[in-house]
PDB file of all heavy atoms in Angstrom:
ATOM      1  N   GLY A   1    -233.977 226.287-123.090  1.00  0.00           N
ATOM      2  CA  GLY A   1    -233.601 227.004-121.885  1.00  0.00           C
ATOM      3  C   GLY A   1    -232.119 227.301-121.831  1.00  0.00           C
ATOM      4  O   GLY A   1    -231.355 226.957-122.736  1.00  0.00           O
ATOM      5  N   MET A   2    -231.690 227.959-120.751  1.00  0.00           N
ATOM      6  CA  MET A   2    -230.275 228.243-120.530  1.00  0.00           C
ATOM      7  C   MET A   2    -229.540 226.944-120.182  1.00  0.00           C
ATOM      8  O   MET A   2    -230.148 226.001-119.676  1.00  0.00           O
ATOM      9  CB  MET A   2    -230.117 229.258-119.399  1.00  0.00           C
ATOM     10  CG  MET A   2    -230.738 230.612-119.694  1.00  0.00           C
ATOM     11  SD  MET A   2    -230.666 231.736-118.269  1.00  0.00           S
ATOM     12  CE  MET A   2    -228.892 232.020-118.145  1.00  0.00           C
ATOM     13  N   VAL A   3    -228.240 226.911-120.463  1.00  0.00           N
ATOM     14  CA  VAL A   3    -227.438 225.724-120.183  1.00  0.00           C
ATOM     15  C   VAL A   3    -226.166 226.118-119.443  1.00  0.00           C
ATOM     16  O   VAL A   3    -225.723 227.266-119.502  1.00  0.00           O
ATOM     17  CB  VAL A   3    -227.079 224.952-121.483  1.00  0.00           C
ATOM     18  CG1 VAL A   3    -228.322 224.374-122.128  1.00  0.00           C
ATOM     19  CG2 VAL A   3    -226.326 225.847-122.464  1.00  0.00           C
ATOM     20  N   GLU A   4    -225.569 225.145-118.767  1.00  0.00           N
ATOM     21  CA  GLU A   4    -224.353 225.375-117.979  1.00  0.00           C
ATOM     22  C   GLU A   4    -223.103 225.050-118.798  1.00  0.00           C
ATOM     23  O   GLU A   4    -222.247 224.286-118.378  1.00  0.00           O
ATOM     24  CB  GLU A   4    -224.406 224.531-116.708  1.00  0.00           C
ATOM     25  CG  GLU A   4    -225.564 224.882-115.791  1.00  0.00           C
ATOM     26  CD  GLU A   4    -225.697 223.951-114.605  1.00  0.00           C
ATOM     27  OE1 GLU A   4    -225.760 222.723-114.827  1.00  0.00           O
ATOM     28  OE2 GLU A   4    -225.759 224.440-113.465  1.00  0.00           O
ATOM     29  N   ALA A   5    -222.990 225.666-119.957  1.00  0.00           N
ATOM     30  CA  ALA A   5    -221.895 225.355-120.873  1.00  0.00           C
ATOM     31  C   ALA A   5    -220.533 225.643-120.263  1.00  0.00           C
ATOM     32  O   ALA A   5    -219.630 224.791-120.265  1.00  0.00           O
ATOM     33  CB  ALA A   5    -222.068 226.138-122.177  1.00  0.00           C
ATOM     34  N   ASP A   6    -220.360 226.837-119.742  1.00  0.00           N
ATOM     35  CA  ASP A   6    -219.055 227.215-119.200  1.00  0.00           C
ATOM     36  C   ASP A   6    -218.817 226.595-117.827  1.00  0.00           C
ATOM     37  O   ASP A   6    -217.698 226.204-117.500  1.00  0.00           O
ATOM     38  CB  ASP A   6    -218.938 228.740-119.122  1.00  0.00           C
ATOM     39  CG  ASP A   6    -218.867 229.374-120.499  1.00  0.00           C
ATOM     40  OD1 ASP A   6    -218.305 228.750-121.411  1.00  0.00           O
ATOM     41  OD2 ASP A   6    -219.384 230.499-120.667  1.00  0.00           O
ATOM     42  N   HIS A   7    -219.856 226.517-117.006  1.00  0.00           N
ATOM     43  CA  HIS A   7    -219.698 225.982-115.658  1.00  0.00           C
ATOM     44  C   HIS A   7    -219.248 224.521-115.698  1.00  0.00           C
ATOM     45  O   HIS A   7    -218.394 224.111-114.900  1.00  0.00           O
ATOM     46  CB  HIS A   7    -221.017 226.102-114.904  1.00  0.00           C
ATOM     47  CG  HIS A   7    -220.929 225.706-113.464  1.00  0.00           C
ATOM     48  ND1 HIS A   7    -220.289 226.479-112.520  1.00  0.00           N
ATOM     49  CD2 HIS A   7    -221.402 224.616-112.795  1.00  0.00           C
ATOM     50  CE1 HIS A   7    -220.361 225.887-111.347  1.00  0.00           C
ATOM     51  NE2 HIS A   7    -221.029 224.759-111.476  1.00  0.00           N
ATOM     52  N   LEU A   8    -219.804 223.735-116.611  1.00  0.00           N
ATOM     53  CA  LEU A   8    -219.460 222.315-116.679  1.00  0.00           C
ATOM     54  C   LEU A   8    -218.260 222.025-117.571  1.00  0.00           C
ATOM     55  O   LEU A   8    -217.452 221.150-117.259  1.00  0.00           O
ATOM     56  CB  LEU A   8    -220.664 221.506-117.173  1.00  0.00           C
ATOM     57  CG  LEU A   8    -221.864 221.399-116.240  1.00  0.00           C
ATOM     58  CD1 LEU A   8    -222.959 220.558-116.888  1.00  0.00           C
ATOM     59  CD2 LEU A   8    -221.468 220.791-114.901  1.00  0.00           C
ATOM     60  N   PHE A   9    -218.141 222.733-118.691  1.00  0.00           N
ATOM     61  CA  PHE A   9    -217.137 222.368-119.684  1.00  0.00           C
ATOM     62  C   PHE A   9    -216.091 223.456-119.923  1.00  0.00           C
ATOM     63  O   PHE A   9    -214.900 223.163-120.004  1.00  0.00           O
ATOM     64  CB  PHE A   9    -217.832 222.021-121.020  1.00  0.00           C
ATOM     65  CG  PHE A   9    -218.790 220.884-120.907  1.00  0.00           C
ATOM     66  CD1 PHE A   9    -220.143 221.119-120.704  1.00  0.00           C
ATOM     67  CD2 PHE A   9    -218.349 219.573-120.964  1.00  0.00           C
ATOM     68  CE1 PHE A   9    -221.038 220.068-120.581  1.00  0.00           C
ATOM     69  CE2 PHE A   9    -219.227 218.518-120.826  1.00  0.00           C
ATOM     70  CZ  PHE A   9    -220.578 218.761-120.635  1.00  0.00           C
ATOM     71  N   GLY A  10    -216.529 224.703-120.045  1.00  0.00           N
ATOM     72  CA  GLY A  10    -215.584 225.775-120.334  1.00  0.00           C
ATOM     73  C   GLY A  10    -214.505 225.911-119.290  1.00  0.00           C
ATOM     74  O   GLY A  10    -213.331 226.132-119.614  1.00  0.00           O
ATOM     75  N   ASN A  11    -214.879 225.768-118.024  1.00  0.00           N
ATOM     76  CA  ASN A  11    -213.894 225.901-116.947  1.00  0.00           C
ATOM     77  C   ASN A  11    -212.852 224.799-116.977  1.00  0.00           C
ATOM     78  O   ASN A  11    -211.713 224.999-116.535  1.00  0.00           O
ATOM     79  CB  ASN A  11    -214.600 225.883-115.591  1.00  0.00           C
ATOM     80  CG  ASN A  11    -215.453 227.119-115.373  1.00  0.00           C
ATOM     81  OD1 ASN A  11    -215.097 228.203-115.797  1.00  0.00           O
ATOM     82  ND2 ASN A  11    -216.592 226.950-114.715  1.00  0.00           N
ATOM     83  N   LEU A  12    -213.222 223.632-117.479  1.00  0.00           N
ATOM     84  CA  LEU A  12    -212.275 222.513-117.531  1.00  0.00           C
ATOM     85  C   LEU A  12    -211.186 222.734-118.573  1.00  0.00           C
ATOM     86  O   LEU A  12    -210.030 222.365-118.361  1.00  0.00           O
ATOM     87  CB  LEU A  12    -213.020 221.206-117.842  1.00  0.00           C
ATOM     88  CG  LEU A  12    -213.812 220.569-116.711  1.00  0.00           C
ATOM     89  CD1 LEU A  12    -214.477 219.285-117.204  1.00  0.00           C
ATOM     90  CD2 LEU A  12    -212.919 220.260-115.516  1.00  0.00           C
ATOM     91  N   ILE A  13    -211.565 223.295-119.707  1.00  0.00           N
ATOM     92  CA  ILE A  13    -210.600 223.424-120.806  1.00  0.00           C
ATOM     93  C   ILE A  13    -209.914 224.788-120.828  1.00  0.00           C
ATOM     94  O   ILE A  13    -208.936 224.975-121.562  1.00  0.00           O
ATOM     95  CB  ILE A  13    -211.281 223.158-122.166  1.00  0.00           C
ATOM     96  CG1 ILE A  13    -212.403 224.168-122.419  1.00  0.00           C
ATOM     97  CG2 ILE A  13    -211.820 221.733-122.216  1.00  0.00           C
ATOM     98  CD1 ILE A  13    -213.105 223.982-123.756  1.00  0.00           C
ATOM     99  N   GLU A  14    -210.396 225.704-120.018  1.00  0.00           N
ATOM    100  CA  GLU A  14    -209.816 227.048-120.007  1.00  0.00           C
ATOM    101  C   GLU A  14    -208.338 227.003-119.608  1.00  0.00           C
ATOM    102  O   GLU A  14    -207.959 226.377-118.629  1.00  0.00           O
ATOM    103  CB  GLU A  14    -210.569 227.935-119.013  1.00  0.00           C
ATOM    104  CG  GLU A  14    -210.102 229.379-119.010  1.00  0.00           C
ATOM    105  CD  GLU A  14    -210.917 230.240-118.057  1.00  0.00           C
ATOM    106  OE1 GLU A  14    -211.748 229.684-117.311  1.00  0.00           O
ATOM    107  OE2 GLU A  14    -210.711 231.463-118.061  1.00  0.00           O
ATOM    108  N   GLY A  15    -207.504 227.645-120.407  1.00  0.00           N
ATOM    109  CA  GLY A  15    -206.079 227.723-120.121  1.00  0.00           C
ATOM    110  C   GLY A  15    -205.266 226.530-120.583  1.00  0.00           C
ATOM    111  O   GLY A  15    -204.035 226.546-120.474  1.00  0.00           O
ATOM    112  N   ALA A  16    -205.926 225.481-121.092  1.00  0.00           N
ATOM    113  CA  ALA A  16    -205.204 224.290-121.561  1.00  0.00           C
ATOM    114  C   ALA A  16    -204.727 224.492-122.999  1.00  0.00           C
ATOM    115  O   ALA A  16    -205.254 225.329-123.734  1.00  0.00           O
ATOM    116  CB  ALA A  16    -206.116 223.068-121.486  1.00  0.00           C
ATOM    117  N   GLU A  17    -203.712 223.742-123.376  1.00  0.00           N
ATOM    118  CA  GLU A  17    -203.223 223.797-124.747  1.00  0.00           C
ATOM    119  C   GLU A  17    -204.363 223.450-125.715  1.00  0.00           C
ATOM    120  O   GLU A  17    -205.156 222.544-125.445  1.00  0.00           O
ATOM    121  CB  GLU A  17    -202.079 222.803-124.945  1.00  0.00           C
ATOM    122  CG  GLU A  17    -200.802 223.171-124.209  1.00  0.00           C
ATOM    123  CD  GLU A  17    -200.171 224.432-124.769  1.00  0.00           C
ATOM    124  OE1 GLU A  17    -200.290 224.669-126.000  1.00  0.00           O
ATOM    125  OE2 GLU A  17    -199.578 225.194-123.984  1.00  0.00           O
ATOM    126  N   PRO A  18    -204.478 224.159-126.836  1.00  0.00           N
ATOM    127  CA  PRO A  18    -205.577 223.925-127.779  1.00  0.00           C
ATOM    128  C   PRO A  18    -205.673 222.493-128.299  1.00  0.00           C
ATOM    129  O   PRO A  18    -206.752 222.049-128.697  1.00  0.00           O
ATOM    130  CB  PRO A  18    -205.266 224.900-128.923  1.00  0.00           C
ATOM    131  CG  PRO A  18    -204.445 225.977-128.296  1.00  0.00           C
ATOM    132  CD  PRO A  18    -203.627 225.283-127.244  1.00  0.00           C
ATOM    133  N   SER A  19    -204.558 221.775-128.281  1.00  0.00           N
ATOM    134  CA  SER A  19    -204.570 220.402-128.785  1.00  0.00           C
ATOM    135  C   SER A  19    -205.145 219.411-127.774  1.00  0.00           C
ATOM    136  O   SER A  19    -205.447 218.267-128.127  1.00  0.00           O
ATOM    137  CB  SER A  19    -203.152 219.971-129.166  1.00  0.00           C
ATOM    138  OG  SER A  19    -202.293 220.027-128.037  1.00  0.00           O
ATOM    139  N   LEU A  20    -205.305 219.843-126.517  1.00  0.00           N
ATOM    140  CA  LEU A  20    -205.806 218.947-125.480  1.00  0.00           C
ATOM    141  C   LEU A  20    -207.332 218.918-125.462  1.00  0.00           C
ATOM    142  O   LEU A  20    -207.985 219.889-125.826  1.00  0.00           O
ATOM    143  CB  LEU A  20    -205.287 219.390-124.110  1.00  0.00           C
ATOM    144  CG  LEU A  20    -203.788 219.291-123.870  1.00  0.00           C
ATOM    145  CD1 LEU A  20    -203.433 219.859-122.490  1.00  0.00           C
ATOM    146  CD2 LEU A  20    -203.304 217.856-123.982  1.00  0.00           C
ATOM    147  N   TYR A  21    -207.872 217.809-125.052  1.00  0.00           N
ATOM    148  CA  TYR A  21    -209.300 217.626-124.791  1.00  0.00           C
ATOM    149  C   TYR A  21    -210.181 217.922-126.014  1.00  0.00           C
ATOM    150  O   TYR A  21    -211.132 218.717-125.943  1.00  0.00           O
ATOM    151  CB  TYR A  21    -209.750 218.500-123.614  1.00  0.00           C
ATOM    152  CG  TYR A  21    -208.776 218.541-122.473  1.00  0.00           C
ATOM    153  CD1 TYR A  21    -208.351 219.757-121.938  1.00  0.00           C
ATOM    154  CD2 TYR A  21    -208.262 217.362-121.913  1.00  0.00           C
ATOM    155  CE1 TYR A  21    -207.461 219.807-120.877  1.00  0.00           C
ATOM    156  CE2 TYR A  21    -207.368 217.401-120.853  1.00  0.00           C
ATOM    157  CZ  TYR A  21    -206.956 218.630-120.341  1.00  0.00           C
ATOM    158  OH  TYR A  21    -206.068 218.673-119.304  1.00  0.00           O
ATOM    159  N   PRO A  22    -209.903 217.290-127.150  1.00  0.00           N
ATOM    160  CA  PRO A  22    -210.685 217.604-128.362  1.00  0.00           C
ATOM    161  C   PRO A  22    -212.176 217.287-128.242  1.00  0.00           C
ATOM    162  O   PRO A  22    -213.002 218.030-128.775  1.00  0.00           O
ATOM    163  CB  PRO A  22    -210.024 216.737-129.442  1.00  0.00           C
ATOM    164  CG  PRO A  22    -209.328 215.640-128.688  1.00  0.00           C
ATOM    165  CD  PRO A  22    -208.863 216.275-127.416  1.00  0.00           C
ATOM    166  N   THR A  23    -212.527 216.212-127.545  1.00  0.00           N
ATOM    167  CA  THR A  23    -213.944 215.867-127.432  1.00  0.00           C
ATOM    168  C   THR A  23    -214.665 216.838-126.503  1.00  0.00           C
ATOM    169  O   THR A  23    -215.794 217.260-126.785  1.00  0.00           O
ATOM    170  CB  THR A  23    -214.124 214.424-126.921  1.00  0.00           C
ATOM    171  OG1 THR A  23    -213.190 213.554-127.572  1.00  0.00           O
ATOM    172  CG2 THR A  23    -215.541 213.931-127.196  1.00  0.00           C
ATOM    173  N   LEU A  24    -214.028 217.210-125.401  1.00  0.00           N
ATOM    174  CA  LEU A  24    -214.615 218.212-124.513  1.00  0.00           C
ATOM    175  C   LEU A  24    -214.803 219.538-125.241  1.00  0.00           C
ATOM    176  O   LEU A  24    -215.822 220.227-125.053  1.00  0.00           O
ATOM    177  CB  LEU A  24    -213.732 218.428-123.286  1.00  0.00           C
ATOM    178  CG  LEU A  24    -213.717 217.347-122.208  1.00  0.00           C
ATOM    179  CD1 LEU A  24    -212.778 217.748-121.082  1.00  0.00           C
ATOM    180  CD2 LEU A  24    -215.114 217.097-121.661  1.00  0.00           C
ATOM    181  N   ARG A  25    -213.829 219.899-126.079  1.00  0.00           N
ATOM    182  CA  ARG A  25    -213.940 221.146-126.827  1.00  0.00           C
ATOM    183  C   ARG A  25    -215.098 221.082-127.816  1.00  0.00           C
ATOM    184  O   ARG A  25    -215.809 222.077-128.032  1.00  0.00           O
ATOM    185  CB  ARG A  25    -212.630 221.455-127.552  1.00  0.00           C
ATOM    186  CG  ARG A  25    -211.486 221.796-126.605  1.00  0.00           C
ATOM    187  CD  ARG A  25    -210.206 222.122-127.341  1.00  0.00           C
ATOM    188  NE  ARG A  25    -209.105 222.314-126.402  1.00  0.00           N
ATOM    189  CZ  ARG A  25    -208.861 223.439-125.731  1.00  0.00           C
ATOM    190  NH1 ARG A  25    -209.650 224.479-125.927  1.00  0.00           N
ATOM    191  NH2 ARG A  25    -207.854 223.528-124.890  1.00  0.00           N
ATOM    192  N   MET A  26    -215.301 219.932-128.435  1.00  0.00           N
ATOM    193  CA  MET A  26    -216.410 219.776-129.370  1.00  0.00           C
ATOM    194  C   MET A  26    -217.750 219.932-128.648  1.00  0.00           C
ATOM    195  O   MET A  26    -218.666 220.601-129.138  1.00  0.00           O
ATOM    196  CB  MET A  26    -216.338 218.403-130.046  1.00  0.00           C
ATOM    197  CG  MET A  26    -217.459 218.120-131.036  1.00  0.00           C
ATOM    198  SD  MET A  26    -217.158 216.629-132.021  1.00  0.00           S
ATOM    199  CE  MET A  26    -216.954 215.400-130.725  1.00  0.00           C
ATOM    200  N   ILE A  27    -217.857 219.329-127.457  1.00  0.00           N
ATOM    201  CA  ILE A  27    -219.088 219.449-126.665  1.00  0.00           C
ATOM    202  C   ILE A  27    -219.312 220.897-126.252  1.00  0.00           C
ATOM    203  O   ILE A  27    -220.432 221.430-126.360  1.00  0.00           O
ATOM    204  CB  ILE A  27    -219.013 218.538-125.435  1.00  0.00           C
ATOM    205  CG1 ILE A  27    -219.084 217.073-125.864  1.00  0.00           C
ATOM    206  CG2 ILE A  27    -220.136 218.856-124.445  1.00  0.00           C
ATOM    207  CD1 ILE A  27    -218.747 216.092-124.761  1.00  0.00           C
ATOM    208  N   HIS A  28    -218.259 221.567-125.801  1.00  0.00           N
ATOM    209  CA  HIS A  28    -218.377 222.960-125.384  1.00  0.00           C
ATOM    210  C   HIS A  28    -218.773 223.848-126.560  1.00  0.00           C
ATOM    211  O   HIS A  28    -219.647 224.729-126.433  1.00  0.00           O
ATOM    212  CB  HIS A  28    -217.050 223.439-124.785  1.00  0.00           C
ATOM    213  CG  HIS A  28    -217.107 224.819-124.216  1.00  0.00           C
ATOM    214  ND1 HIS A  28    -216.323 225.850-124.684  1.00  0.00           N
ATOM    215  CD2 HIS A  28    -217.873 225.354-123.225  1.00  0.00           C
ATOM    216  CE1 HIS A  28    -216.590 226.951-124.003  1.00  0.00           C
ATOM    217  NE2 HIS A  28    -217.523 226.685-123.111  1.00  0.00           N
ATOM    218  N   THR A  29    -218.175 223.611-127.719  1.00  0.00           N
ATOM    219  CA  THR A  29    -218.528 224.377-128.919  1.00  0.00           C
ATOM    220  C   THR A  29    -219.982 224.148-129.294  1.00  0.00           C
ATOM    221  O   THR A  29    -220.706 225.094-129.651  1.00  0.00           O
ATOM    222  CB  THR A  29    -217.609 223.983-130.087  1.00  0.00           C
ATOM    223  OG1 THR A  29    -216.253 224.244-129.739  1.00  0.00           O
ATOM    224  CG2 THR A  29    -217.965 224.763-131.342  1.00  0.00           C
ATOM    225  N   ASN A  30    -220.434 222.914-129.215  1.00  0.00           N
ATOM    226  CA  ASN A  30    -221.832 222.596-129.494  1.00  0.00           C
ATOM    227  C   ASN A  30    -222.766 223.422-128.613  1.00  0.00           C
ATOM    228  O   ASN A  30    -223.759 224.000-129.080  1.00  0.00           O
ATOM    229  CB  ASN A  30    -222.063 221.100-129.261  1.00  0.00           C
ATOM    230  CG  ASN A  30    -223.522 220.702-129.321  1.00  0.00           C
ATOM    231  OD1 ASN A  30    -224.223 220.977-130.283  1.00  0.00           O
ATOM    232  ND2 ASN A  30    -223.991 220.033-128.274  1.00  0.00           N
ATOM    233  N   LEU A  31    -222.434 223.517-127.324  1.00  0.00           N
ATOM    234  CA  LEU A  31    -223.277 224.253-126.386  1.00  0.00           C
ATOM    235  C   LEU A  31    -223.195 225.760-126.611  1.00  0.00           C
ATOM    236  O   LEU A  31    -224.209 226.466-126.478  1.00  0.00           O
ATOM    237  CB  LEU A  31    -222.875 223.909-124.950  1.00  0.00           C
ATOM    238  CG  LEU A  31    -223.126 222.457-124.535  1.00  0.00           C
ATOM    239  CD1 LEU A  31    -222.506 222.180-123.169  1.00  0.00           C
ATOM    240  CD2 LEU A  31    -224.619 222.156-124.506  1.00  0.00           C
ATOM    241  N   LYS A  32    -222.019 226.269-126.942  1.00  0.00           N
ATOM    242  CA  LYS A  32    -221.885 227.702-127.180  1.00  0.00           C
ATOM    243  C   LYS A  32    -222.630 228.114-128.452  1.00  0.00           C
ATOM    244  O   LYS A  32    -223.231 229.207-128.502  1.00  0.00           O
ATOM    245  CB  LYS A  32    -220.409 228.101-127.274  1.00  0.00           C
ATOM    246  CG  LYS A  32    -219.604 227.846-126.002  1.00  0.00           C
ATOM    247  CD  LYS A  32    -220.201 228.536-124.801  1.00  0.00           C
ATOM    248  CE  LYS A  32    -219.967 230.024-124.785  1.00  0.00           C
ATOM    249  NZ  LYS A  32    -220.443 230.652-123.519  1.00  0.00           N
ATOM    250  N   ILE A  33    -222.608 227.276-129.477  1.00  0.00           N
ATOM    251  CA  ILE A  33    -223.395 227.566-130.689  1.00  0.00           C
ATOM    252  C   ILE A  33    -224.878 227.563-130.345  1.00  0.00           C
ATOM    253  O   ILE A  33    -225.636 228.434-130.793  1.00  0.00           O
ATOM    254  CB  ILE A  33    -223.072 226.543-131.798  1.00  0.00           C
ATOM    255  CG1 ILE A  33    -221.643 226.754-132.311  1.00  0.00           C
ATOM    256  CG2 ILE A  33    -224.082 226.645-132.942  1.00  0.00           C
ATOM    257  CD1 ILE A  33    -221.165 225.687-133.266  1.00  0.00           C
ATOM    258  N   TYR A  34    -225.295 226.589-129.545  1.00  0.00           N
ATOM    259  CA  TYR A  34    -226.697 226.554-129.092  1.00  0.00           C
ATOM    260  C   TYR A  34    -227.057 227.852-128.366  1.00  0.00           C
ATOM    261  O   TYR A  34    -228.129 228.432-128.604  1.00  0.00           O
ATOM    262  CB  TYR A  34    -226.914 225.354-128.174  1.00  0.00           C
ATOM    263  CG  TYR A  34    -228.169 225.472-127.332  1.00  0.00           C
ATOM    264  CD1 TYR A  34    -229.418 225.152-127.861  1.00  0.00           C
ATOM    265  CD2 TYR A  34    -228.097 225.942-126.012  1.00  0.00           C
ATOM    266  CE1 TYR A  34    -230.569 225.291-127.094  1.00  0.00           C
ATOM    267  CE2 TYR A  34    -229.247 226.077-125.244  1.00  0.00           C
ATOM    268  CZ  TYR A  34    -230.468 225.747-125.784  1.00  0.00           C
ATOM    269  OH  TYR A  34    -231.609 225.898-125.034  1.00  0.00           O
ATOM    270  N   GLU A  35    -226.175 228.319-127.481  1.00  0.00           N
ATOM    271  CA  GLU A  35    -226.450 229.550-126.740  1.00  0.00           C
ATOM    272  C   GLU A  35    -226.597 230.750-127.678  1.00  0.00           C
ATOM    273  O   GLU A  35    -227.501 231.585-127.493  1.00  0.00           O
ATOM    274  CB  GLU A  35    -225.329 229.827-125.731  1.00  0.00           C
ATOM    275  CG  GLU A  35    -225.344 228.906-124.524  1.00  0.00           C
ATOM    276  CD  GLU A  35    -224.261 229.231-123.516  1.00  0.00           C
ATOM    277  OE1 GLU A  35    -223.224 229.823-123.917  1.00  0.00           O
ATOM    278  OE2 GLU A  35    -224.438 228.905-122.330  1.00  0.00           O
ATOM    279  N   ARG A  36    -225.738 230.829-128.693  1.00  0.00           N
ATOM    280  CA  ARG A  36    -225.824 231.952-129.622  1.00  0.00           C
ATOM    281  C   ARG A  36    -227.106 231.896-130.437  1.00  0.00           C
ATOM    282  O   ARG A  36    -227.774 232.916-130.643  1.00  0.00           O
ATOM    283  CB  ARG A  36    -224.602 231.979-130.544  1.00  0.00           C
ATOM    284  CG  ARG A  36    -223.317 232.385-129.838  1.00  0.00           C
ATOM    285  CD  ARG A  36    -222.260 232.836-130.821  1.00  0.00           C
ATOM    286  NE  ARG A  36    -221.848 231.776-131.711  1.00  0.00           N
ATOM    287  CZ  ARG A  36    -220.875 230.905-131.432  1.00  0.00           C
ATOM    288  NH1 ARG A  36    -220.243 230.961-130.268  1.00  0.00           N
ATOM    289  NH2 ARG A  36    -220.544 229.982-132.305  1.00  0.00           N
ATOM    290  N   LEU A  37    -227.458 230.699-130.902  1.00  0.00           N
ATOM    291  CA  LEU A  37    -228.703 230.554-131.660  1.00  0.00           C
ATOM    292  C   LEU A  37    -229.916 230.860-130.789  1.00  0.00           C
ATOM    293  O   LEU A  37    -230.880 231.479-131.253  1.00  0.00           O
ATOM    294  CB  LEU A  37    -228.806 229.136-132.221  1.00  0.00           C
ATOM    295  CG  LEU A  37    -227.800 228.765-133.320  1.00  0.00           C
ATOM    296  CD1 LEU A  37    -227.914 227.296-133.676  1.00  0.00           C
ATOM    297  CD2 LEU A  37    -228.031 229.629-134.566  1.00  0.00           C
ATOM    298  N   ARG A  38    -229.847 230.435-129.547  1.00  0.00           N
ATOM    299  CA  ARG A  38    -230.970 230.666-128.629  1.00  0.00           C
ATOM    300  C   ARG A  38    -231.192 232.146-128.385  1.00  0.00           C
ATOM    301  O   ARG A  38    -232.327 232.636-128.286  1.00  0.00           O
ATOM    302  CB  ARG A  38    -230.711 229.955-127.291  1.00  0.00           C
ATOM    303  CG  ARG A  38    -231.763 230.206-126.232  1.00  0.00           C
ATOM    304  CD  ARG A  38    -231.415 229.469-124.952  1.00  0.00           C
ATOM    305  NE  ARG A  38    -232.381 229.809-123.896  1.00  0.00           N
ATOM    306  CZ  ARG A  38    -232.259 230.854-123.082  1.00  0.00           C
ATOM    307  NH1 ARG A  38    -231.209 231.655-123.187  1.00  0.00           N
ATOM    308  NH2 ARG A  38    -233.186 231.101-122.153  1.00  0.00           N
TER     309      ARG A  38
END
């Protein structure tokens, strides 16, 4: 099904320095890849 990738995670990391929040970024990337495959 659809997931709340950006609502839960993307909004948190948006605009932050790329070096910040590496684990959150990994989770968000995991969900975005899932969305593309879906």
